[in-house]
Amino acid sequence: MASVLGLLEAREKQVREEIAGLREEAERVQAALGEAEAVLQRLVDARVTVTEVLAGAPSVAPEPTGSTVAGSTVPRRESGMTATALAPDYQRILSVLESEAGREGMRCQQLAIALGLEAVPAKVEGVRSKAKRLVERGWALQVRPGVFTALAVPAL
């Protein structure tokens, strides 16, 4: 029969090994957490920098009023402006929103599908970003959170 002290020593050794393993795992998790936090901080910094650059862009260079360069900025809608002042991607979004399907408003996933895009998060978020930009510049209307439609009357 095993002695009580022998059993306690064996159990103590087992628990010490378990603690050592858990400490190693905790160090691995801490390292992974630190790396993930560093990546997150770089992304946040990049977003802030891009936002600052884009916010300062109009003072550096005037926005195009008649050009339709892909990837160009969206000009503020002024009296007499037509959708041809927009880049092709924005023109397509606006035409879908002006269509019969878009009159009551469309969610971004519906809008992405209507544009012939896959309804995956990356594509839907890209459409959402562009739709919000159209709203900010007076080309479209957000009727409720996440639902967009074209303006019924031109902006002044």
N, C-alpha and C. Protein backbone atom coordinates (compact mmCIF):
# COMPACT_ATOMS: atom_id res chain seq x y z
N MET A 1 0.83 -1.16 0.00
CA MET A 1 0.00 0.00 0.00
C MET A 1 0.89 1.24 0.00
N ALA A 2 0.53 2.20 -0.81
CA ALA A 2 1.31 3.44 -0.95
C ALA A 2 1.09 4.33 0.26
N SER A 3 2.15 5.01 0.62
CA SER A 3 2.03 5.91 1.77
C SER A 3 1.32 7.19 1.37
N VAL A 4 0.72 7.83 2.33
CA VAL A 4 0.00 9.08 2.10
C VAL A 4 0.97 10.15 1.63
N LEU A 5 2.15 10.20 2.24
CA LEU A 5 3.15 11.20 1.83
C LEU A 5 3.61 10.97 0.40
N GLY A 6 3.77 9.73 0.00
CA GLY A 6 4.15 9.40 -1.37
C GLY A 6 3.09 9.83 -2.36
N LEU A 7 1.81 9.60 -2.02
CA LEU A 7 0.71 10.03 -2.88
C LEU A 7 0.66 11.55 -3.00
N LEU A 8 0.87 12.23 -1.88
CA LEU A 8 0.86 13.70 -1.90
C LEU A 8 2.00 14.25 -2.76
N GLU A 9 3.19 13.64 -2.64
CA GLU A 9 4.33 14.08 -3.44
C GLU A 9 4.07 13.87 -4.93
N ALA A 10 3.50 12.74 -5.28
CA ALA A 10 3.19 12.45 -6.68
C ALA A 10 2.17 13.45 -7.23
N ARG A 11 1.17 13.74 -6.44
CA ARG A 11 0.13 14.70 -6.86
C ARG A 11 0.72 16.11 -6.98
N GLU A 12 1.60 16.47 -6.03
CA GLU A 12 2.26 17.78 -6.06
C GLU A 12 3.10 17.91 -7.33
N LYS A 13 3.84 16.86 -7.69
CA LYS A 13 4.66 16.87 -8.90
C LYS A 13 3.77 17.05 -10.14
N GLN A 14 2.65 16.36 -10.18
CA GLN A 14 1.71 16.44 -11.30
C GLN A 14 1.16 17.86 -11.44
N VAL A 15 0.78 18.47 -10.34
CA VAL A 15 0.23 19.83 -10.36
C VAL A 15 1.29 20.84 -10.78
N ARG A 16 2.54 20.67 -10.31
CA ARG A 16 3.63 21.56 -10.71
C ARG A 16 3.86 21.49 -12.23
N GLU A 17 3.82 20.30 -12.80
CA GLU A 17 3.98 20.14 -14.25
C GLU A 17 2.82 20.79 -15.00
N GLU A 18 1.62 20.63 -14.46
CA GLU A 18 0.44 21.25 -15.07
C GLU A 18 0.57 22.78 -15.05
N ILE A 19 1.03 23.32 -13.92
CA ILE A 19 1.23 24.78 -13.79
C ILE A 19 2.27 25.26 -14.79
N ALA A 20 3.37 24.52 -14.95
CA ALA A 20 4.42 24.90 -15.89
C ALA A 20 3.86 24.92 -17.33
N GLY A 21 3.07 23.92 -17.67
CA GLY A 21 2.46 23.88 -18.99
C GLY A 21 1.50 25.05 -19.21
N LEU A 22 0.72 25.36 -18.20
CA LEU A 22 -0.22 26.48 -18.30
C LEU A 22 0.52 27.81 -18.43
N ARG A 23 1.64 27.95 -17.72
CA ARG A 23 2.44 29.18 -17.84
C ARG A 23 2.99 29.33 -19.25
N GLU A 24 3.47 28.24 -19.83
CA GLU A 24 3.97 28.29 -21.22
C GLU A 24 2.85 28.69 -22.18
N GLU A 25 1.69 28.08 -21.98
CA GLU A 25 0.54 28.42 -22.83
C GLU A 25 0.15 29.87 -22.65
N ALA A 26 0.15 30.37 -21.42
CA ALA A 26 -0.19 31.77 -21.14
C ALA A 26 0.81 32.71 -21.83
N GLU A 27 2.09 32.35 -21.83
CA GLU A 27 3.10 33.17 -22.51
C GLU A 27 2.85 33.18 -24.01
N ARG A 28 2.48 32.03 -24.58
CA ARG A 28 2.16 31.97 -26.01
C ARG A 28 0.96 32.84 -26.34
N VAL A 29 -0.07 32.75 -25.50
CA VAL A 29 -1.29 33.54 -25.71
C VAL A 29 -0.97 35.03 -25.57
N GLN A 30 -0.17 35.39 -24.56
CA GLN A 30 0.22 36.80 -24.37
C GLN A 30 0.97 37.32 -25.59
N ALA A 31 1.89 36.50 -26.14
CA ALA A 31 2.64 36.91 -27.33
C ALA A 31 1.70 37.10 -28.51
N ALA A 32 0.77 36.16 -28.71
CA ALA A 32 -0.20 36.27 -29.81
C ALA A 32 -1.09 37.49 -29.61
N LEU A 33 -1.50 37.74 -28.39
CA LEU A 33 -2.32 38.91 -28.08
C LEU A 33 -1.55 40.20 -28.38
N GLY A 34 -0.30 40.25 -27.99
CA GLY A 34 0.52 41.42 -28.27
C GLY A 34 0.67 41.68 -29.76
N GLU A 35 0.88 40.61 -30.53
CA GLU A 35 0.99 40.75 -31.99
C GLU A 35 -0.33 41.23 -32.59
N ALA A 36 -1.45 40.67 -32.14
CA ALA A 36 -2.76 41.07 -32.65
C ALA A 36 -3.06 42.53 -32.31
N GLU A 37 -2.70 42.94 -31.10
CA GLU A 37 -2.91 44.34 -30.70
C GLU A 37 -2.05 45.28 -31.54
N ALA A 38 -0.83 44.87 -31.87
CA ALA A 38 0.05 45.69 -32.71
C ALA A 38 -0.54 45.84 -34.12
N VAL A 39 -1.06 44.74 -34.67
CA VAL A 39 -1.70 44.79 -35.99
C VAL A 39 -2.91 45.70 -35.95
N LEU A 40 -3.73 45.56 -34.91
CA LEU A 40 -4.90 46.41 -34.76
C LEU A 40 -4.50 47.88 -34.69
N GLN A 41 -3.47 48.19 -33.94
CA GLN A 41 -3.03 49.59 -33.81
C GLN A 41 -2.56 50.13 -35.15
N ARG A 42 -1.84 49.31 -35.92
CA ARG A 42 -1.39 49.76 -37.25
C ARG A 42 -2.58 50.03 -38.15
N LEU A 43 -3.62 49.18 -38.09
CA LEU A 43 -4.82 49.39 -38.90
C LEU A 43 -5.55 50.65 -38.48
N VAL A 44 -5.68 50.87 -37.18
CA VAL A 44 -6.34 52.07 -36.69
C VAL A 44 -5.56 53.31 -37.13
N ASP A 45 -4.23 53.27 -36.99
CA ASP A 45 -3.40 54.40 -37.42
C ASP A 45 -3.55 54.65 -38.92
N ALA A 46 -3.58 53.58 -39.71
CA ALA A 46 -3.74 53.73 -41.16
C ALA A 46 -5.09 54.36 -41.50
N ARG A 47 -6.16 53.90 -40.81
CA ARG A 47 -7.49 54.46 -41.07
C ARG A 47 -7.53 55.93 -40.71
N VAL A 48 -6.96 56.29 -39.57
CA VAL A 48 -6.94 57.69 -39.14
C VAL A 48 -6.16 58.53 -40.14
N THR A 49 -5.00 58.03 -40.59
CA THR A 49 -4.20 58.76 -41.55
C THR A 49 -4.94 58.96 -42.86
N VAL A 50 -5.56 57.90 -43.36
CA VAL A 50 -6.31 58.01 -44.61
C VAL A 50 -7.48 58.98 -44.46
N THR A 51 -8.17 58.92 -43.33
CA THR A 51 -9.28 59.84 -43.08
C THR A 51 -8.79 61.28 -43.07
N GLU A 52 -7.66 61.53 -42.42
CA GLU A 52 -7.09 62.88 -42.39
C GLU A 52 -6.69 63.34 -43.78
N VAL A 53 -6.06 62.46 -44.53
CA VAL A 53 -5.63 62.82 -45.88
C VAL A 53 -6.84 63.11 -46.76
N LEU A 54 -7.86 62.26 -46.69
CA LEU A 54 -9.05 62.47 -47.52
C LEU A 54 -9.81 63.72 -47.09
N ALA A 55 -9.83 64.00 -45.79
CA ALA A 55 -10.51 65.20 -45.31
C ALA A 55 -9.79 66.45 -45.77
N GLY A 56 -8.49 66.38 -45.91
CA GLY A 56 -7.71 67.53 -46.34
C GLY A 56 -7.57 67.62 -47.84
N ALA A 57 -7.99 66.61 -48.59
CA ALA A 57 -7.82 66.57 -50.04
C ALA A 57 -8.46 67.75 -50.77
N PRO A 58 -9.69 68.19 -50.45
CA PRO A 58 -10.28 69.29 -51.21
C PRO A 58 -9.47 70.58 -51.14
N SER A 59 -8.79 70.85 -50.03
CA SER A 59 -8.01 72.08 -49.93
C SER A 59 -6.72 71.98 -50.75
N VAL A 60 -6.24 70.76 -50.99
CA VAL A 60 -5.02 70.57 -51.75
C VAL A 60 -5.30 70.61 -53.25
N ALA A 61 -6.32 69.87 -53.68
CA ALA A 61 -6.65 69.81 -55.10
C ALA A 61 -8.16 69.86 -55.24
N PRO A 62 -8.66 70.65 -56.18
CA PRO A 62 -10.12 70.73 -56.35
C PRO A 62 -10.67 69.40 -56.85
N GLU A 63 -11.88 69.08 -56.41
CA GLU A 63 -12.53 67.85 -56.86
C GLU A 63 -12.95 68.01 -58.31
N PRO A 64 -12.87 66.95 -59.09
CA PRO A 64 -13.28 67.05 -60.49
C PRO A 64 -14.79 67.24 -60.58
N THR A 65 -15.22 68.05 -61.52
CA THR A 65 -16.66 68.27 -61.68
C THR A 65 -17.21 67.52 -62.88
N GLY A 66 -16.40 67.24 -63.85
CA GLY A 66 -16.92 66.55 -65.03
C GLY A 66 -16.19 65.27 -65.37
N SER A 67 -15.12 64.97 -64.71
CA SER A 67 -14.37 63.77 -65.06
C SER A 67 -14.98 62.55 -64.40
N THR A 68 -14.76 61.40 -65.03
CA THR A 68 -15.27 60.15 -64.47
C THR A 68 -14.11 59.16 -64.34
N VAL A 69 -13.14 59.55 -63.57
CA VAL A 69 -11.97 58.71 -63.35
C VAL A 69 -12.30 57.69 -62.28
N ALA A 70 -12.05 56.42 -62.57
CA ALA A 70 -12.30 55.38 -61.57
C ALA A 70 -11.47 55.65 -60.33
N GLY A 71 -12.12 55.55 -59.16
CA GLY A 71 -11.43 55.78 -57.90
C GLY A 71 -11.33 57.24 -57.51
N SER A 72 -11.90 58.14 -58.32
CA SER A 72 -11.83 59.56 -57.98
C SER A 72 -12.78 59.86 -56.83
N THR A 73 -12.59 61.01 -56.23
CA THR A 73 -13.45 61.41 -55.12
C THR A 73 -14.83 61.75 -55.64
N VAL A 74 -15.80 61.71 -54.75
CA VAL A 74 -17.18 62.02 -55.12
C VAL A 74 -17.40 63.51 -54.88
N PRO A 75 -17.72 64.27 -55.93
CA PRO A 75 -17.95 65.70 -55.75
C PRO A 75 -19.27 65.95 -55.03
N ARG A 76 -19.33 67.06 -54.30
CA ARG A 76 -20.60 67.46 -53.69
C ARG A 76 -21.57 67.78 -54.81
N ARG A 77 -22.79 67.34 -54.64
CA ARG A 77 -23.80 67.57 -55.66
C ARG A 77 -24.23 69.03 -55.62
N GLU A 78 -24.19 69.66 -56.76
CA GLU A 78 -24.61 71.05 -56.89
C GLU A 78 -25.72 71.12 -57.91
N SER A 79 -26.40 72.23 -57.93
CA SER A 79 -27.50 72.43 -58.86
C SER A 79 -27.01 72.22 -60.30
N GLY A 80 -27.74 71.44 -61.05
CA GLY A 80 -27.40 71.20 -62.44
C GLY A 80 -26.43 70.04 -62.68
N MET A 81 -25.86 69.47 -61.64
CA MET A 81 -24.92 68.35 -61.81
C MET A 81 -25.68 67.08 -62.14
N THR A 82 -25.11 66.27 -62.98
CA THR A 82 -25.70 64.98 -63.31
C THR A 82 -24.76 63.88 -62.80
N ALA A 83 -25.25 62.67 -62.86
CA ALA A 83 -24.48 61.52 -62.37
C ALA A 83 -23.22 61.30 -63.19
N THR A 84 -23.11 61.91 -64.36
CA THR A 84 -21.90 61.73 -65.17
C THR A 84 -20.68 62.35 -64.50
N ALA A 85 -20.89 63.18 -63.49
CA ALA A 85 -19.77 63.77 -62.75
C ALA A 85 -19.15 62.75 -61.80
N LEU A 86 -19.81 61.61 -61.62
CA LEU A 86 -19.34 60.58 -60.70
C LEU A 86 -18.48 59.55 -61.42
N ALA A 87 -17.64 58.88 -60.65
CA ALA A 87 -16.86 57.76 -61.17
C ALA A 87 -17.83 56.64 -61.56
N PRO A 88 -17.44 55.76 -62.48
CA PRO A 88 -18.34 54.70 -62.96
C PRO A 88 -18.98 53.85 -61.86
N ASP A 89 -18.21 53.46 -60.84
CA ASP A 89 -18.77 52.65 -59.76
C ASP A 89 -19.92 53.37 -59.06
N TYR A 90 -19.75 54.65 -58.82
CA TYR A 90 -20.78 55.44 -58.16
C TYR A 90 -21.99 55.65 -59.07
N GLN A 91 -21.74 55.81 -60.37
CA GLN A 91 -22.84 55.93 -61.32
C GLN A 91 -23.70 54.67 -61.30
N ARG A 92 -23.04 53.50 -61.25
CA ARG A 92 -23.78 52.23 -61.22
C ARG A 92 -24.63 52.11 -59.96
N ILE A 93 -24.05 52.47 -58.81
CA ILE A 93 -24.80 52.41 -57.55
C ILE A 93 -26.01 53.33 -57.63
N LEU A 94 -25.80 54.55 -58.12
CA LEU A 94 -26.89 55.51 -58.21
C LEU A 94 -27.98 55.03 -59.17
N SER A 95 -27.58 54.41 -60.28
CA SER A 95 -28.60 53.94 -61.23
C SER A 95 -29.43 52.80 -60.63
N VAL A 96 -28.81 51.93 -59.84
CA VAL A 96 -29.57 50.87 -59.16
C VAL A 96 -30.52 51.48 -58.14
N LEU A 97 -30.05 52.47 -57.39
CA LEU A 97 -30.91 53.12 -56.40
C LEU A 97 -32.07 53.88 -57.06
N GLU A 98 -31.86 54.37 -58.28
CA GLU A 98 -32.92 55.08 -59.00
C GLU A 98 -33.88 54.13 -59.70
N SER A 99 -33.50 52.85 -59.82
CA SER A 99 -34.35 51.88 -60.50
C SER A 99 -35.58 51.57 -59.66
N GLU A 100 -36.50 50.85 -60.25
CA GLU A 100 -37.74 50.46 -59.55
C GLU A 100 -37.43 49.71 -58.26
N ALA A 101 -36.45 48.83 -58.30
CA ALA A 101 -36.10 48.03 -57.12
C ALA A 101 -35.57 48.90 -55.98
N GLY A 102 -34.93 50.01 -56.31
CA GLY A 102 -34.32 50.83 -55.29
C GLY A 102 -35.18 51.96 -54.77
N ARG A 103 -36.35 52.16 -55.32
CA ARG A 103 -37.19 53.30 -54.93
C ARG A 103 -37.59 53.27 -53.46
N GLU A 104 -37.86 52.09 -52.92
CA GLU A 104 -38.26 51.97 -51.52
C GLU A 104 -37.04 51.92 -50.60
N GLY A 105 -35.87 51.81 -51.18
CA GLY A 105 -34.65 51.72 -50.40
C GLY A 105 -34.09 50.31 -50.48
N MET A 106 -32.78 50.23 -50.47
CA MET A 106 -32.12 48.93 -50.57
C MET A 106 -31.06 48.81 -49.48
N ARG A 107 -30.97 47.61 -48.92
CA ARG A 107 -29.88 47.29 -48.01
C ARG A 107 -28.64 47.07 -48.85
N CYS A 108 -27.49 47.21 -48.24
CA CYS A 108 -26.23 47.10 -48.98
C CYS A 108 -26.02 45.72 -49.59
N GLN A 109 -26.50 44.68 -48.91
CA GLN A 109 -26.36 43.34 -49.48
C GLN A 109 -27.21 43.23 -50.76
N GLN A 110 -28.43 43.77 -50.74
CA GLN A 110 -29.27 43.76 -51.94
C GLN A 110 -28.63 44.58 -53.05
N LEU A 111 -28.06 45.70 -52.67
CA LEU A 111 -27.41 46.58 -53.63
C LEU A 111 -26.21 45.89 -54.27
N ALA A 112 -25.42 45.19 -53.47
CA ALA A 112 -24.26 44.47 -53.99
C ALA A 112 -24.69 43.41 -55.00
N ILE A 113 -25.74 42.68 -54.67
CA ILE A 113 -26.25 41.64 -55.58
C ILE A 113 -26.76 42.27 -56.87
N ALA A 114 -27.49 43.39 -56.76
CA ALA A 114 -28.01 44.08 -57.94
C ALA A 114 -26.88 44.60 -58.82
N LEU A 115 -25.72 44.87 -58.22
CA LEU A 115 -24.56 45.33 -58.98
C LEU A 115 -23.77 44.17 -59.58
N GLY A 116 -24.20 42.94 -59.29
CA GLY A 116 -23.52 41.76 -59.82
C GLY A 116 -22.33 41.33 -58.99
N LEU A 117 -22.27 41.79 -57.75
CA LEU A 117 -21.17 41.42 -56.87
C LEU A 117 -21.58 40.25 -55.99
N GLU A 118 -20.58 39.53 -55.47
CA GLU A 118 -20.86 38.47 -54.51
C GLU A 118 -21.33 39.12 -53.21
N ALA A 119 -22.24 38.48 -52.52
CA ALA A 119 -22.75 39.01 -51.25
C ALA A 119 -21.86 38.57 -50.09
N VAL A 120 -20.56 38.82 -50.23
CA VAL A 120 -19.61 38.51 -49.16
C VAL A 120 -19.33 39.80 -48.40
N PRO A 121 -18.96 39.70 -47.14
CA PRO A 121 -18.77 40.91 -46.33
C PRO A 121 -17.87 41.97 -46.96
N ALA A 122 -16.77 41.58 -47.57
CA ALA A 122 -15.85 42.56 -48.15
C ALA A 122 -16.53 43.38 -49.25
N LYS A 123 -17.29 42.73 -50.10
CA LYS A 123 -17.98 43.43 -51.19
C LYS A 123 -19.12 44.29 -50.65
N VAL A 124 -19.88 43.74 -49.71
CA VAL A 124 -21.02 44.48 -49.13
C VAL A 124 -20.51 45.73 -48.41
N GLU A 125 -19.42 45.61 -47.67
CA GLU A 125 -18.88 46.77 -46.94
C GLU A 125 -18.34 47.81 -47.90
N GLY A 126 -17.78 47.38 -49.03
CA GLY A 126 -17.33 48.33 -50.05
C GLY A 126 -18.50 49.12 -50.62
N VAL A 127 -19.60 48.42 -50.88
CA VAL A 127 -20.81 49.09 -51.38
C VAL A 127 -21.36 50.03 -50.31
N ARG A 128 -21.34 49.59 -49.06
CA ARG A 128 -21.84 50.43 -47.96
C ARG A 128 -21.04 51.73 -47.88
N SER A 129 -19.73 51.62 -47.98
CA SER A 129 -18.85 52.79 -47.92
C SER A 129 -19.18 53.76 -49.05
N LYS A 130 -19.36 53.23 -50.25
CA LYS A 130 -19.67 54.10 -51.39
C LYS A 130 -21.05 54.71 -51.27
N ALA A 131 -22.02 53.93 -50.78
CA ALA A 131 -23.37 54.46 -50.60
C ALA A 131 -23.37 55.58 -49.56
N LYS A 132 -22.63 55.39 -48.48
CA LYS A 132 -22.55 56.44 -47.45
C LYS A 132 -21.88 57.69 -48.00
N ARG A 133 -20.88 57.51 -48.86
CA ARG A 133 -20.21 58.66 -49.47
C ARG A 133 -21.19 59.40 -50.38
N LEU A 134 -22.02 58.67 -51.10
CA LEU A 134 -23.04 59.32 -51.95
C LEU A 134 -24.02 60.12 -51.09
N VAL A 135 -24.36 59.58 -49.91
CA VAL A 135 -25.26 60.30 -49.00
C VAL A 135 -24.58 61.58 -48.49
N GLU A 136 -23.33 61.46 -48.06
CA GLU A 136 -22.59 62.60 -47.52
C GLU A 136 -22.46 63.73 -48.53
N ARG A 137 -22.38 63.39 -49.81
CA ARG A 137 -22.15 64.39 -50.85
C ARG A 137 -23.44 64.82 -51.55
N GLY A 138 -24.60 64.36 -51.05
CA GLY A 138 -25.87 64.85 -51.57
C GLY A 138 -26.41 64.13 -52.80
N TRP A 139 -25.94 62.93 -53.09
CA TRP A 139 -26.39 62.18 -54.26
C TRP A 139 -27.44 61.13 -53.90
N ALA A 140 -27.46 60.67 -52.67
CA ALA A 140 -28.38 59.61 -52.25
C ALA A 140 -28.90 59.96 -50.86
N LEU A 141 -29.79 59.11 -50.37
CA LEU A 141 -30.43 59.33 -49.08
C LEU A 141 -30.40 58.03 -48.29
N GLN A 142 -30.09 58.12 -47.01
CA GLN A 142 -30.16 56.95 -46.13
C GLN A 142 -31.50 57.06 -45.40
N VAL A 143 -32.48 56.23 -45.82
CA VAL A 143 -33.83 56.34 -45.27
C VAL A 143 -33.93 55.79 -43.85
N ARG A 144 -33.12 54.83 -43.53
CA ARG A 144 -32.99 54.31 -42.17
C ARG A 144 -31.64 53.60 -42.12
N PRO A 145 -31.15 53.28 -40.95
CA PRO A 145 -29.80 52.70 -40.88
C PRO A 145 -29.62 51.51 -41.82
N GLY A 146 -28.62 51.64 -42.70
CA GLY A 146 -28.29 50.56 -43.63
C GLY A 146 -29.16 50.45 -44.85
N VAL A 147 -30.12 51.38 -45.03
CA VAL A 147 -31.02 51.34 -46.18
C VAL A 147 -30.88 52.64 -46.96
N PHE A 148 -30.56 52.52 -48.26
CA PHE A 148 -30.27 53.68 -49.09
C PHE A 148 -31.22 53.77 -50.27
N THR A 149 -31.44 54.99 -50.73
CA THR A 149 -32.23 55.23 -51.92
C THR A 149 -31.69 56.49 -52.59
N ALA A 150 -32.06 56.70 -53.85
CA ALA A 150 -31.65 57.91 -54.55
C ALA A 150 -32.51 59.07 -54.07
N LEU A 151 -31.99 60.28 -54.18
CA LEU A 151 -32.77 61.46 -53.81
C LEU A 151 -33.90 61.65 -54.80
N ALA A 152 -35.07 62.06 -54.32
CA ALA A 152 -36.21 62.28 -55.20
C ALA A 152 -36.06 63.59 -55.97
N VAL A 153 -35.44 64.57 -55.32
CA VAL A 153 -35.24 65.88 -55.98
C VAL A 153 -33.77 66.22 -55.94
N PRO A 154 -33.28 66.95 -56.94
CA PRO A 154 -31.86 67.32 -56.94
C PRO A 154 -31.52 68.18 -55.73
N ALA A 155 -30.31 68.01 -55.22
CA ALA A 155 -29.84 68.83 -54.10
C ALA A 155 -29.49 70.22 -54.61
N LEU A 156 -29.70 71.20 -53.77
CA LEU A 156 -29.36 72.58 -54.17
C LEU A 156 -28.01 72.98 -53.70
